[in-house]
Protein backbone atom coordinates (compact mmCIF):
# COMPACT_ATOMS: atom_id res chain seq x y z
CA UNK A 1 18.82 8.14 -0.35
CA UNK A 2 15.17 7.97 0.67
CA UNK A 3 13.76 4.68 1.99
CA UNK A 4 10.00 4.24 1.70
CA UNK A 5 8.20 1.29 3.27
CA UNK A 6 4.62 0.18 2.80
CA UNK A 7 2.85 -2.41 4.95
CA UNK A 8 -0.69 -3.61 5.49
CA UNK A 9 -0.73 -4.25 9.24
CA UNK A 10 -4.08 -6.04 9.61
CA UNK A 11 -4.40 -4.14 12.87
CA UNK A 12 -1.76 -1.74 14.17
CA UNK A 13 -2.17 -2.99 17.74
CA UNK A 14 -1.74 -6.61 16.68
CA UNK A 15 1.25 -5.78 14.48
CA UNK A 16 2.83 -3.78 17.29
CA UNK A 17 2.50 -6.74 19.61
CA UNK A 18 4.29 -8.84 16.99
CA UNK A 19 7.24 -6.43 16.82
CA UNK A 20 6.38 -4.18 13.88
CA UNK A 21 7.24 -0.90 15.58
CA UNK A 22 10.52 -2.28 16.93
CA UNK A 23 11.38 -3.48 13.43
CA UNK A 24 10.37 -0.15 11.90
CA UNK A 25 12.73 1.64 14.29
CA UNK A 26 15.63 -0.43 12.94
CA UNK A 27 14.59 -0.50 9.27
CA UNK A 28 15.91 2.94 8.36
CA UNK A 29 12.63 4.20 6.94
CA UNK A 30 12.38 7.85 6.00
CA UNK A 31 8.69 7.31 5.25
CA UNK A 32 6.46 4.36 6.14
CA UNK A 33 2.93 3.98 4.84
CA UNK A 34 0.59 1.64 6.70
CA UNK A 35 -2.86 0.34 5.86
CA UNK A 36 -5.68 -1.48 7.62
CA UNK A 37 -4.71 -0.08 11.00
CA UNK A 38 -8.12 -1.03 12.46
CA UNK A 39 -7.89 1.62 15.17
CA UNK A 40 -9.28 5.01 16.17
CA UNK A 41 -7.14 7.91 17.33
CA UNK A 42 -7.86 7.13 20.98
CA UNK A 43 -6.56 3.57 20.49
CA UNK A 44 -3.05 4.66 19.49
CA UNK A 45 -0.44 4.43 22.24
CA UNK A 46 2.42 6.97 22.19
CA UNK A 47 4.76 4.32 20.77
CA UNK A 48 2.39 3.91 17.83
CA UNK A 49 2.41 7.64 17.16
CA UNK A 50 6.15 8.32 17.42
CA UNK A 51 8.24 5.20 16.93
CA UNK A 52 11.96 5.96 16.90
CA UNK A 53 11.76 9.61 15.94
CA UNK A 54 9.07 9.22 13.29
CA UNK A 55 6.06 11.52 13.33
CA UNK A 56 2.68 10.14 12.26
CA UNK A 57 -0.51 11.12 10.49
CA UNK A 58 -3.60 8.93 10.20
CA UNK A 59 -6.92 8.74 8.43
CA UNK A 60 -9.25 6.60 10.51
CA UNK A 61 -12.38 4.79 9.41
CA UNK A 62 -15.65 5.78 11.04
CA UNK A 63 -16.31 2.16 11.93
CA UNK A 64 -14.31 0.93 14.90
CA UNK A 65 -11.79 -1.84 14.26
CA UNK A 66 -11.96 -1.37 10.49
CA UNK A 67 -9.72 -0.17 7.67
CA UNK A 68 -7.76 3.09 8.18
CA UNK A 69 -4.40 4.27 6.84
CA UNK A 70 -1.40 6.15 8.15
CA UNK A 71 1.99 7.58 7.23
CA UNK A 72 5.13 7.87 9.36
CA UNK A 73 7.82 10.36 8.36
CA UNK A 74 11.12 11.66 9.67
CA UNK A 75 10.36 15.09 8.25
CA UNK A 76 7.14 17.07 8.59
CA UNK A 77 5.16 17.51 5.39
CA UNK A 78 4.21 20.85 3.91
CA UNK A 79 0.61 19.69 3.51
CA UNK A 80 -1.62 16.83 4.70
CA UNK A 81 -4.75 15.76 2.83
CA UNK A 82 -6.98 13.07 4.33
CA UNK A 83 -9.47 11.39 2.05
CA UNK A 84 -10.59 11.89 -1.53
CA UNK A 85 -13.62 14.10 -0.96
CA UNK A 86 -15.88 11.10 -1.61
CA UNK A 87 -17.94 10.54 1.56
CA UNK A 88 -18.58 6.80 1.29
CA UNK A 89 -14.89 6.10 0.58
CA UNK A 90 -13.58 8.60 3.12
CA UNK A 91 -15.75 7.11 5.86
CA UNK A 92 -13.66 3.94 5.47
CA UNK A 93 -10.32 5.76 5.84
CA UNK A 94 -8.68 4.62 2.62
CA UNK A 95 -6.42 7.44 1.43
CA UNK A 96 -3.94 9.78 3.12
CA UNK A 97 -1.65 12.17 1.26
CA UNK A 98 1.46 13.95 2.53
CA UNK A 99 3.09 16.59 0.34
CA UNK A 100 6.75 17.35 0.88
CA UNK A 101 8.78 19.98 -0.94
CA UNK A 102 10.21 17.59 -3.53
CA UNK A 103 7.57 14.86 -3.76
CA UNK A 104 4.25 13.51 -2.51
CA UNK A 105 3.53 10.22 -0.76
CA UNK A 106 0.10 8.61 -0.55
CA UNK A 107 -0.98 5.70 1.65
CA UNK A 108 -3.79 3.83 -0.09
CA UNK A 109 -6.00 0.92 0.90
CA UNK A 110 -8.10 -0.20 -2.03
CA UNK A 111 -11.16 -2.24 -0.98
CA UNK A 112 -11.22 -6.00 -1.08
CA UNK A 113 -14.12 -7.64 -2.85
CA UNK A 114 -13.58 -11.17 -1.61
CA UNK A 115 -16.12 -11.19 1.22
CA UNK A 116 -19.32 -10.61 -0.78
CA UNK A 117 -20.77 -9.42 -4.11
CA UNK A 118 -21.67 -6.16 -2.37
CA UNK A 119 -18.04 -5.52 -1.42
CA UNK A 120 -16.89 -6.38 -4.94
CA UNK A 121 -19.36 -3.80 -6.23
CA UNK A 122 -17.93 -1.28 -3.76
CA UNK A 123 -14.45 -2.13 -5.02
CA UNK A 124 -15.46 -1.55 -8.64
CA UNK A 125 -17.08 1.74 -7.63
CA UNK A 126 -13.88 2.83 -5.90
CA UNK A 127 -11.81 1.91 -8.95
CA UNK A 128 -14.11 3.80 -11.32
CA UNK A 129 -14.00 6.99 -9.25
CA UNK A 130 -10.33 6.75 -8.30
CA UNK A 131 -9.06 6.47 -11.90
CA UNK A 132 -9.81 10.16 -12.70
CA UNK A 133 -8.00 11.12 -9.50
CA UNK A 134 -5.00 9.12 -10.65
CA UNK A 135 -5.13 10.96 -13.97
CA UNK A 136 -5.22 14.31 -12.16
CA UNK A 137 -2.29 13.35 -9.96
CA UNK A 138 -0.26 12.13 -12.93
CA UNK A 139 -0.87 15.45 -14.71
CA UNK A 140 -0.10 17.58 -11.64
CA UNK A 141 3.61 17.88 -12.39
CA UNK A 142 4.57 16.58 -8.96
CA UNK A 143 6.60 13.44 -8.31
CA UNK A 144 4.36 11.03 -6.41
CA UNK A 145 4.65 7.59 -4.82
CA UNK A 146 1.39 5.79 -4.00
CA UNK A 147 2.06 3.07 -1.45
CA UNK A 148 -0.40 0.49 -0.35
CA UNK A 149 -2.54 -2.57 -0.58
CA UNK A 150 -4.18 -2.36 -4.01
CA UNK A 151 -5.87 -5.77 -3.57
CA UNK A 152 -5.16 -6.69 -7.20
CA UNK A 153 -2.49 -9.00 -8.58
CA UNK A 154 -1.66 -7.55 -11.98
CA UNK A 155 -0.15 -10.42 -13.94
CA UNK A 156 0.09 -14.19 -13.80
CA UNK A 157 3.60 -13.86 -12.38
CA UNK A 158 2.14 -12.00 -9.39
CA UNK A 159 0.43 -14.95 -7.72
CA UNK A 160 1.09 -18.64 -7.28
CA UNK A 161 -2.18 -20.22 -8.41
CA UNK A 162 -3.23 -17.81 -11.14
CA UNK A 163 -5.16 -20.38 -13.17
CA UNK A 164 -7.48 -21.16 -10.27
CA UNK A 165 -8.03 -17.51 -9.33
CA UNK A 166 -9.19 -15.98 -12.60
CA UNK A 167 -12.77 -15.78 -11.30
CA UNK A 168 -11.80 -14.60 -7.82
CA UNK A 169 -11.62 -11.05 -6.51
CA UNK A 170 -8.09 -9.73 -6.78
CA UNK A 171 -7.38 -11.38 -10.12
CA UNK A 172 -10.53 -10.70 -12.10
CA UNK A 173 -10.00 -9.66 -15.74
CA UNK A 174 -11.73 -6.33 -15.06
CA UNK A 175 -9.40 -5.59 -12.15
CA UNK A 176 -6.29 -6.47 -14.12
CA UNK A 177 -7.47 -4.39 -17.08
CA UNK A 178 -7.96 -1.45 -14.71
CA UNK A 179 -4.33 -1.72 -13.60
CA UNK A 180 -3.35 -1.88 -17.29
CA UNK A 181 -4.98 1.53 -17.67
CA UNK A 182 -3.18 2.87 -14.59
CA UNK A 183 0.18 1.87 -16.07
CA UNK A 184 -0.25 2.03 -19.84
CA UNK A 185 -2.77 4.82 -20.25
CA UNK A 186 -1.96 7.10 -17.31
CA UNK A 187 1.78 6.40 -17.21
CA UNK A 188 2.18 5.29 -13.60
CA UNK A 189 5.04 2.88 -12.89
CA UNK A 190 5.01 -0.31 -10.84
CA UNK A 191 8.32 0.33 -9.09
CA UNK A 192 9.07 -3.23 -7.95
CA UNK A 193 8.25 -4.66 -11.38
CA UNK A 194 10.41 -2.02 -13.07
CA UNK A 195 13.38 -3.06 -10.94
CA UNK A 196 12.76 -6.80 -11.19
CA UNK A 197 10.86 -7.61 -14.41
CA UNK A 198 11.07 -11.36 -13.95
CA UNK A 199 10.56 -11.64 -10.20
CA UNK A 200 7.90 -14.11 -9.17
CA UNK A 201 7.58 -15.80 -5.79
CA UNK A 202 10.15 -13.53 -4.12
CA UNK A 203 7.83 -10.58 -4.76
CA UNK A 204 4.75 -11.94 -3.00
CA UNK A 205 3.45 -9.69 -0.24
CA UNK A 206 0.28 -11.46 0.97
CA UNK A 207 -0.61 -15.01 1.96
CA UNK A 208 -3.91 -16.49 3.05
CA UNK A 209 -4.14 -17.53 6.67
CA UNK A 210 -5.68 -20.80 5.53
CA UNK A 211 -3.63 -23.96 5.34
CA UNK A 212 0.12 -23.42 5.11
CA UNK A 213 0.04 -20.74 2.44
CA UNK A 214 2.87 -18.69 3.92
CA UNK A 215 5.04 -21.70 4.71
CA UNK A 216 4.62 -22.96 1.15
CA UNK A 217 4.83 -19.42 -0.28
CA UNK A 218 1.46 -19.71 -1.99
CA UNK A 219 1.13 -15.96 -2.17
CA UNK A 220 0.05 -12.89 -4.08
CA UNK A 221 1.80 -9.62 -4.92
CA UNK A 222 -0.88 -7.06 -4.13
CA UNK A 223 1.10 -4.43 -2.18
CA UNK A 224 2.73 -1.88 -4.45
CA UNK A 225 4.67 1.33 -4.65
CA UNK A 226 3.28 2.90 -7.81
CA UNK A 227 5.01 6.11 -8.85
CA UNK A 228 5.24 8.84 -11.44
CA UNK A 229 8.01 8.12 -13.98
CA UNK A 230 10.55 10.61 -12.65
CA UNK A 231 10.72 9.30 -9.12
CA UNK A 232 10.24 5.70 -10.28
CA UNK A 233 13.42 6.05 -12.30
CA UNK A 234 15.26 6.89 -9.08
CA UNK A 235 14.33 3.62 -7.40
CA UNK A 236 17.53 1.61 -7.09
CA UNK A 237 16.53 -1.43 -5.04
CA UNK A 238 13.51 -3.06 -3.44
CA UNK A 239 12.79 -6.00 -1.19
CA UNK A 240 9.93 -7.72 0.58
CA UNK A 241 10.75 -8.22 4.26
CA UNK A 242 9.74 -11.72 5.34
CA UNK A 243 12.07 -12.56 8.23
CA UNK A 244 9.43 -11.58 10.78
CA UNK A 245 5.67 -11.92 10.45
CA UNK A 246 3.65 -8.89 11.52
CA UNK A 247 0.42 -9.64 9.64
CA UNK A 248 -0.85 -11.63 6.67
CA UNK A 249 1.06 -9.11 4.52
CA UNK A 250 4.80 -8.40 4.40
CA UNK A 251 6.40 -4.93 4.19
CA UNK A 252 7.66 -3.75 0.80
CA UNK A 253 10.83 -1.64 1.04
CA UNK A 254 12.08 0.61 -1.79
CA UNK A 255 15.17 2.82 -1.79
CA UNK A 256 15.15 5.92 -4.00
CA UNK A 257 18.34 7.69 -5.02
CA UNK A 258 17.38 11.26 -4.18
CA UNK A 259 17.55 13.89 -1.50
CA UNK A 260 15.13 13.38 1.42
């Protein structure tokens, strides 16, 4: 059994202070992908680098206190690839890839477009250029799990107030149609949705900090494990961990029936 966790931390130092690393040590993760670490290499304390026997690899943003992704693993990878070879995207630290003997894991942080039209344009640019990379990965013959904050709710079932959000970033028709292409055209699998086709509110992974969104579970499902069909078929259970609050996101845990 291989347990893979993905979590947007909204700051690794903040999440650590709220107990994330202590929880991770007890969660039984073989691999944990994290996004939005908001830290440079010099900011990472030893406990952030090696929590409970896990080794770590990071791809930091150039800008301090911004973006960045990482992967923790119990086993060393055969190969580490930071970035996509696209300078403007790589400067924001949005993609880290670890290749193991049997499979590949990617930690991904797709841009948010909610703050301004300029950031929405950057998001669309990322999506346009990332789709061919997804096609290449799907055709590579390797089993791959892409974990992360995709910043898009795919279907109406994936957010509470879908009617009121159809013109908002994260649920725009163009964004949803792009995910349709990822799944239907390229053949990637939404692992959680495959396991639980009818799951609604229990699958939410993000809540606004405004009002009482988390208390009322007015959330969105925007954190995914998206996989190639072979490894997706080995997923046997998944859950969103909500007992503790480490950030405005909650960790998504998936167990795969395979050798580590």
